[in-house]
Protein backbone atom coordinates (compact mmCIF):
# COMPACT_ATOMS: atom_id res chain seq x y z
CA MET A 1 213.82 140.04 32.12
CA LYS A 2 217.27 141.60 32.48
CA LYS A 3 218.26 144.64 30.40
CA THR A 4 221.96 145.16 29.62
CA THR A 5 223.95 147.51 27.42
CA GLY A 6 227.40 147.45 25.87
CA GLN A 7 229.71 144.64 24.88
CA ILE A 8 229.73 141.54 27.09
CA ASN A 9 233.00 139.66 27.34
CA ARG A 10 232.39 135.97 27.77
CA PRO A 11 234.21 132.78 26.80
CA GLN A 12 234.14 131.84 23.13
CA ARG A 13 232.36 129.04 21.26
CA VAL A 14 234.79 127.95 18.56
CA VAL A 15 234.50 125.28 15.86
CA LEU A 16 237.67 124.27 14.02
CA TYR A 17 237.38 122.09 10.95
CA GLY A 18 239.54 121.48 7.94
CA VAL A 19 241.40 119.19 5.62
CA GLU A 20 243.36 116.15 6.74
CA SER A 21 246.70 116.76 8.52
CA ILE A 22 246.28 120.55 8.63
CA GLY A 23 246.96 120.57 12.40
CA LYS A 24 243.52 121.11 13.96
CA THR A 25 244.41 119.40 17.25
CA THR A 26 247.84 121.06 17.44
CA PHE A 27 246.23 124.47 16.94
CA ALA A 28 243.57 123.75 19.59
CA ALA A 29 246.34 122.87 22.07
CA GLN A 30 247.41 126.54 22.03
CA PHE A 31 244.15 127.80 23.52
CA PRO A 32 244.24 128.95 27.17
CA ALA A 33 244.88 126.04 29.60
CA PRO A 34 243.20 123.35 27.46
CA LEU A 35 241.64 120.10 28.63
CA PHE A 36 240.99 117.68 25.77
CA ILE A 37 238.01 115.35 25.80
CA ASP A 38 239.84 113.10 23.38
CA ILE A 39 237.37 110.75 21.74
CA GLU A 40 239.50 109.59 18.83
CA GLY A 41 243.01 109.67 20.32
CA GLY A 42 244.06 112.65 18.21
CA SER A 43 246.00 114.44 20.94
CA GLN A 44 248.37 111.63 21.91
CA HIS A 45 251.28 113.22 20.04
CA LEU A 46 250.94 116.42 22.10
CA ASP A 47 251.95 117.31 25.65
CA VAL A 48 248.45 118.22 26.83
CA VAL A 49 246.00 117.23 29.55
CA ARG A 50 243.38 114.87 28.18
CA TRP A 51 240.51 112.65 29.19
CA GLU A 52 240.14 109.55 27.06
CA LEU A 53 237.00 107.42 26.92
CA GLU A 54 237.58 104.04 28.55
CA GLN A 55 234.26 102.30 28.09
CA GLN A 56 233.94 99.77 25.26
CA GLU A 57 230.18 99.18 25.21
CA ASP A 58 228.46 101.74 22.96
CA SER A 59 225.85 103.03 25.41
CA ALA A 60 228.39 103.25 28.22
CA LYS A 61 230.82 105.14 25.98
CA TRP A 62 228.16 107.74 25.16
CA ARG A 63 227.32 108.19 28.85
CA GLU A 64 231.03 108.53 29.64
CA PHE A 65 231.33 111.32 27.05
CA GLN A 66 228.37 113.17 28.55
CA GLN A 67 229.79 112.77 32.06
CA ALA A 68 233.16 114.12 30.93
CA ILE A 69 231.49 117.36 29.82
CA VAL A 70 229.78 117.71 33.21
CA GLU A 71 232.97 117.07 35.17
CA ALA A 72 235.01 119.44 32.99
CA LYS A 73 232.98 122.31 34.42
CA ASN A 74 234.63 121.85 37.82
CA THR A 75 238.24 121.81 36.61
CA ASP A 76 240.75 124.67 36.57
CA HIS A 77 241.14 124.48 32.80
CA GLY A 78 240.28 127.57 30.78
CA THR A 79 239.40 125.76 27.54
CA ILE A 80 237.56 122.50 26.97
CA VAL A 81 238.41 120.90 23.62
CA VAL A 82 236.18 118.22 22.12
CA ASP A 83 238.17 116.12 19.64
CA SER A 84 236.18 115.43 17.58
CA ILE A 85 232.48 116.22 17.32
CA ASP A 86 231.93 113.89 14.34
CA PHE A 87 233.34 111.00 16.39
CA ALA A 88 230.99 112.04 19.21
CA GLU A 89 228.07 111.96 16.77
CA ARG A 90 229.14 108.48 15.68
CA ILE A 91 229.18 107.29 19.31
CA CYS A 92 225.73 108.81 19.77
CA SER A 93 224.39 106.92 16.75
CA ASP A 94 225.97 103.64 17.90
CA ALA A 95 224.53 104.07 21.40
CA LEU A 96 221.03 104.64 20.02
CA CYS A 97 221.28 101.48 17.93
CA ALA A 98 222.56 99.45 20.88
CA GLU A 99 219.85 100.70 23.22
CA ASN A 100 217.10 99.94 20.72
CA LYS A 101 218.62 96.70 19.39
CA LYS A 102 219.01 98.08 15.87
CA LYS A 103 221.80 97.12 13.49
CA SER A 104 221.80 100.51 11.77
CA ILE A 105 220.44 104.00 12.29
CA GLU A 106 218.45 103.42 9.10
CA ASP A 107 216.50 100.64 10.85
CA PHE A 108 214.50 103.18 12.88
CA GLY A 109 212.48 104.09 9.80
CA TYR A 110 212.61 106.96 7.35
CA GLY A 111 214.54 109.85 8.97
CA LYS A 112 213.56 108.85 12.50
CA GLY A 113 216.97 107.60 13.63
CA TYR A 114 218.73 110.69 12.33
CA ALA A 115 216.23 112.92 14.11
CA MET A 116 216.94 111.08 17.39
CA VAL A 117 220.69 111.61 16.94
CA SER A 118 220.06 115.30 16.28
CA GLU A 119 218.00 115.63 19.45
CA ARG A 120 220.78 114.12 21.53
CA MET A 121 223.41 116.32 19.91
CA ALA A 122 221.28 119.38 20.69
CA LYS A 123 221.45 118.42 24.36
CA VAL A 124 225.23 118.13 24.06
CA LEU A 125 225.36 121.72 22.78
CA ALA A 126 223.30 122.79 25.80
CA SER A 127 225.87 121.12 28.06
CA PHE A 128 228.63 123.01 26.23
CA ASP A 129 226.80 126.22 27.14
CA ASP A 130 227.00 125.17 30.79
CA LEU A 131 230.78 125.19 30.34
CA ILE A 132 230.58 128.68 28.81
CA ARG A 133 228.59 129.89 31.83
CA ALA A 134 231.27 128.36 34.07
CA GLY A 135 233.82 130.65 32.41
CA LYS A 136 235.41 128.20 29.96
CA HIS A 137 236.05 128.50 26.26
CA VAL A 138 234.68 125.56 24.29
CA VAL A 139 236.56 124.44 21.19
CA ILE A 140 234.98 121.81 18.94
CA ILE A 141 237.19 120.04 16.42
CA ALA A 142 235.57 118.51 13.34
CA HIS A 143 236.69 116.85 10.15
CA SER A 144 235.67 118.17 6.75
CA GLN A 145 234.04 116.55 3.77
CA ILE A 146 233.44 117.64 0.19
CA LYS A 147 229.75 117.67 -0.71
CA ARG A 148 227.93 118.46 -3.90
CA PHE A 149 225.84 121.60 -3.37
CA GLU A 150 223.11 123.11 -5.47
CA ALA A 151 222.29 126.68 -4.51
CA PRO A 152 218.83 127.97 -5.52
CA ASP A 153 220.36 130.90 -7.43
CA ALA A 154 223.25 128.97 -9.03
CA LEU A 155 223.28 127.87 -12.65
CA ALA A 156 224.86 124.52 -11.79
CA PRO A 157 225.76 122.49 -8.67
CA TYR A 158 229.29 122.71 -7.32
CA ASP A 159 231.52 121.04 -4.70
CA ARG A 160 232.18 122.67 -1.35
CA TYR A 161 233.76 121.83 2.02
CA GLU A 162 231.36 121.18 4.90
CA LEU A 163 231.45 119.77 8.40
CA LYS A 164 231.60 115.99 8.36
CA LEU A 165 228.31 115.63 10.23
CA LEU A 166 224.77 114.55 9.57
CA LYS A 167 222.72 117.12 7.71
CA GLN A 168 220.50 117.36 10.81
CA THR A 169 223.44 118.09 13.15
CA SER A 170 225.65 120.36 11.06
CA PRO A 171 223.32 123.42 11.02
CA MET A 172 222.98 123.30 14.81
CA ILE A 173 226.76 123.31 15.29
CA LYS A 174 227.22 126.20 12.87
CA GLU A 175 224.46 128.24 14.50
CA TRP A 176 225.85 127.56 17.98
CA ALA A 177 229.38 128.70 17.16
CA ASP A 178 230.65 132.24 17.65
CA GLU A 179 233.61 131.38 15.45
CA LEU A 180 233.62 128.76 12.68
CA TRP A 181 237.08 128.55 11.12
CA PHE A 182 237.99 126.49 8.08
CA LEU A 183 241.64 125.39 8.08
CA ARG A 184 243.42 124.41 4.88
CA PHE A 185 246.63 124.66 2.90
CA LYS A 186 246.96 127.62 0.57
CA THR A 187 247.38 126.63 -3.06
CA LYS A 188 247.59 128.55 -6.31
CA VAL A 189 246.68 127.34 -9.75
CA ALA A 190 249.16 127.97 -12.55
CA THR A 191 248.30 127.43 -16.20
CA SER A 192 250.73 125.38 -18.26
CA ASP A 193 251.58 125.98 -21.92
CA SER A 194 248.97 123.40 -22.85
CA GLY A 195 246.32 125.36 -21.00
CA LYS A 196 245.89 122.87 -18.17
CA GLY A 197 245.72 124.07 -14.57
CA LYS A 198 248.31 122.87 -12.07
CA GLY A 199 248.22 123.35 -8.30
CA ILE A 200 251.37 124.82 -6.77
CA GLY A 201 252.36 125.66 -3.22
CA GLY A 202 250.23 123.83 -0.70
CA LYS A 203 252.56 124.21 2.29
CA GLU A 204 251.30 127.43 3.84
CA ARG A 205 248.60 126.79 6.46
CA ILE A 206 245.77 129.31 6.59
CA MET A 207 242.53 129.91 8.46
CA LEU A 208 239.42 131.17 6.68
CA THR A 209 236.82 132.97 8.80
CA THR A 210 234.02 134.16 6.52
CA HIS A 211 231.52 132.28 4.39
CA ALA A 212 232.36 131.51 0.77
CA ALA A 213 230.90 129.34 -1.94
CA ALA A 214 233.66 126.77 -1.42
CA TYR A 215 233.32 126.38 2.37
CA ASP A 216 231.38 127.26 5.53
CA ALA A 217 232.95 129.77 7.92
CA LYS A 218 231.93 132.69 10.10
CA THR A 219 233.25 135.12 12.68
CA ARG A 220 231.44 137.31 15.17
CA SER A 221 234.68 139.07 16.12
CA GLY A 222 235.47 140.90 12.90
CA LEU A 223 238.47 138.77 11.99
CA ALA A 224 240.09 139.17 8.59
CA GLU A 225 238.78 136.80 5.95
CA GLU A 226 242.11 134.95 5.71
CA LEU A 227 244.70 134.59 8.47
CA PRO A 228 247.87 132.56 9.01
CA LEU A 229 247.17 129.42 10.99
CA GLU A 230 249.02 130.75 14.03
CA TRP A 231 247.90 131.40 17.59
CA ALA A 232 248.98 135.04 17.25
CA SER A 233 246.21 135.53 14.67
CA VAL A 234 243.44 135.00 17.22
CA ALA A 235 245.05 135.32 20.67
CA HIS A 236 243.46 138.73 21.28
CA LEU A 237 239.98 137.16 21.27
CA PHE A 238 240.74 135.11 24.37
CA SER A 239 242.54 137.50 26.71
CA SER A 240 239.77 139.85 27.92
CA ALA A 241 237.02 137.22 28.14
CA HIS A 242 239.28 134.92 30.11
CA LYS A 243 239.86 137.48 32.88
CA ALA A 244 236.45 136.66 34.32
CA THR A 245 237.66 133.23 35.41
CA LEU A 246 240.57 134.44 37.57
CA PRO A 247 242.31 133.26 39.64
CA ASP A 248 242.08 129.65 38.47
CA GLY A 249 241.78 130.14 34.75
CA PHE A 250 244.72 132.19 33.52
CA GLU A 251 245.96 131.77 30.04
CA ILE A 252 249.29 129.99 30.35
CA ALA A 253 251.43 132.20 28.18
CA PRO A 254 254.27 134.27 29.68
CA VAL A 255 253.83 138.00 29.17
CA VAL A 256 256.22 139.36 31.84
CA SER A 257 259.61 138.28 33.09
CA GLU A 258 259.87 136.08 36.16
CA GLN A 259 261.81 138.87 37.89
CA ASP A 260 258.95 141.34 37.37
CA ALA A 261 256.39 138.77 38.53
CA VAL A 262 258.33 138.09 41.74
CA ALA A 263 258.63 141.83 42.41
CA ALA A 264 254.87 142.31 42.02
CA LEU A 265 254.12 139.41 44.37
CA GLU A 266 256.62 140.63 46.98
CA GLU A 267 255.11 144.12 46.84
CA ASN A 268 251.74 142.63 47.80
CA GLU A 269 253.15 139.80 49.93
CA ASN A 270 250.66 139.72 52.80
CA SER A 271 247.55 140.09 50.65
CA VAL A 272 248.74 137.48 48.16
CA ASN A 273 249.51 134.97 50.91
CA SER A 274 246.13 135.51 52.57
CA PHE A 275 244.34 135.16 49.25
CA LEU A 276 246.10 131.91 48.37
CA ALA A 277 245.48 130.49 51.83
CA SER A 278 241.77 131.31 51.50
CA ARG A 279 241.72 129.32 48.25
CA GLY A 280 243.51 126.35 49.79
CA LYS A 281 246.52 126.79 47.54
CA ILE A 282 248.89 127.12 50.51
CA LYS A 283 248.71 126.53 54.27
CA PRO A 284 248.24 129.56 56.55
CA GLU A 285 251.89 129.49 57.64
CA GLN A 286 253.20 129.27 54.07
CA THR A 287 253.83 131.92 51.39
CA TRP A 288 253.14 132.11 47.68
CA ARG A 289 256.60 130.57 47.12
CA ASP A 290 255.20 127.28 48.45
CA CYS A 291 252.52 127.05 45.75
CA ASP A 292 252.35 124.09 43.43
CA ALA A 293 254.77 124.75 40.54
CA ASP A 294 252.07 124.60 37.85
CA TYR A 295 249.85 127.04 39.70
CA LEU A 296 252.78 129.37 40.35
CA ASN A 297 253.55 129.36 36.63
CA LYS A 298 249.96 130.46 36.00
CA ILE A 299 250.44 133.33 38.43
CA PHE A 300 253.68 134.40 36.76
CA ALA A 301 252.03 134.25 33.32
CA ARG A 302 249.31 136.78 34.26
CA VAL A 303 250.67 138.42 37.38
CA ASP A 304 248.97 141.79 36.77
CA GLU A 305 245.56 140.13 36.46
CA PHE A 306 246.28 137.99 39.50
CA ILE A 307 247.23 141.00 41.65
CA ALA A 308 244.06 142.78 40.49
CA ALA A 309 242.01 139.75 41.60
CA VAL A 310 243.79 139.75 44.97
CA ILE A 311 243.12 143.46 45.53
CA LYS A 312 239.45 143.01 44.59
CA TRP A 313 239.18 140.06 47.00
CA LYS A 314 240.85 142.03 49.79
CA GLY A 315 238.37 144.89 49.36
CA GLN A 316 235.48 142.44 49.70
CA GLN A 317 236.82 141.20 53.05
CA LYS A 318 236.34 144.59 54.72
């Protein structure tokens, strides 16, 4: 048993869900160096790196999804985005039916088929944790649904937004997440002269982070209850944890000028070149200027963190 103290910075487990056309996939594309496991083709309008499932047969498609998670661990991407988890659950259910020659998940008998889907989805969450241990944020996108809910202490049932998942799967996803954010448009209700309510607004996009009667949400990072649906609202959660994955996992977001980045690299020229050569990013006779353009952009984006990693590496060589 290992005893530790203090805060531990590690990659984040994030679940994004919300109403139709709110921009869940677009928002996820702003996370550090994302790789999309795009199950439903939701990222095709964005300039992102994606893996799309190619298999047509249900069982093969489910195996391909599982293999994509395993292979994502060995990439240079800082964030793995699953788009979407409810489509993944659907593939899981279809694969189970195909493997057992059932027409429907109901054909397994009372509750049995749903329990089998839940067991498989639990294993998927365990594979997501392997990605976390490999230094990668995991972002799960889900659709929402409106469900009738009857709380034990409520006088009457009421409607609320929930994850569009089986009742066996949804609690596991919510428990697994560090951050569960509900995305929606902000509306206000105005009362007309006749006393009827009328919704107004509906264009401002917001993110809700704490539980309410109308929706599920949570945050383990102390975020405000309501935030603008902008990357700036949450960017601070992903900077310190992501440092652990240097040098291959920088957040691709420029924070210094190119001139300052070049000056820092030139000041540590020999160490930087040796470091990059040891990583196979350049040949021994080359310099950092010969790096692949994408990788060089990563260096420029977080040059201070990169230099710190180089200095730490140099000290370990002695």
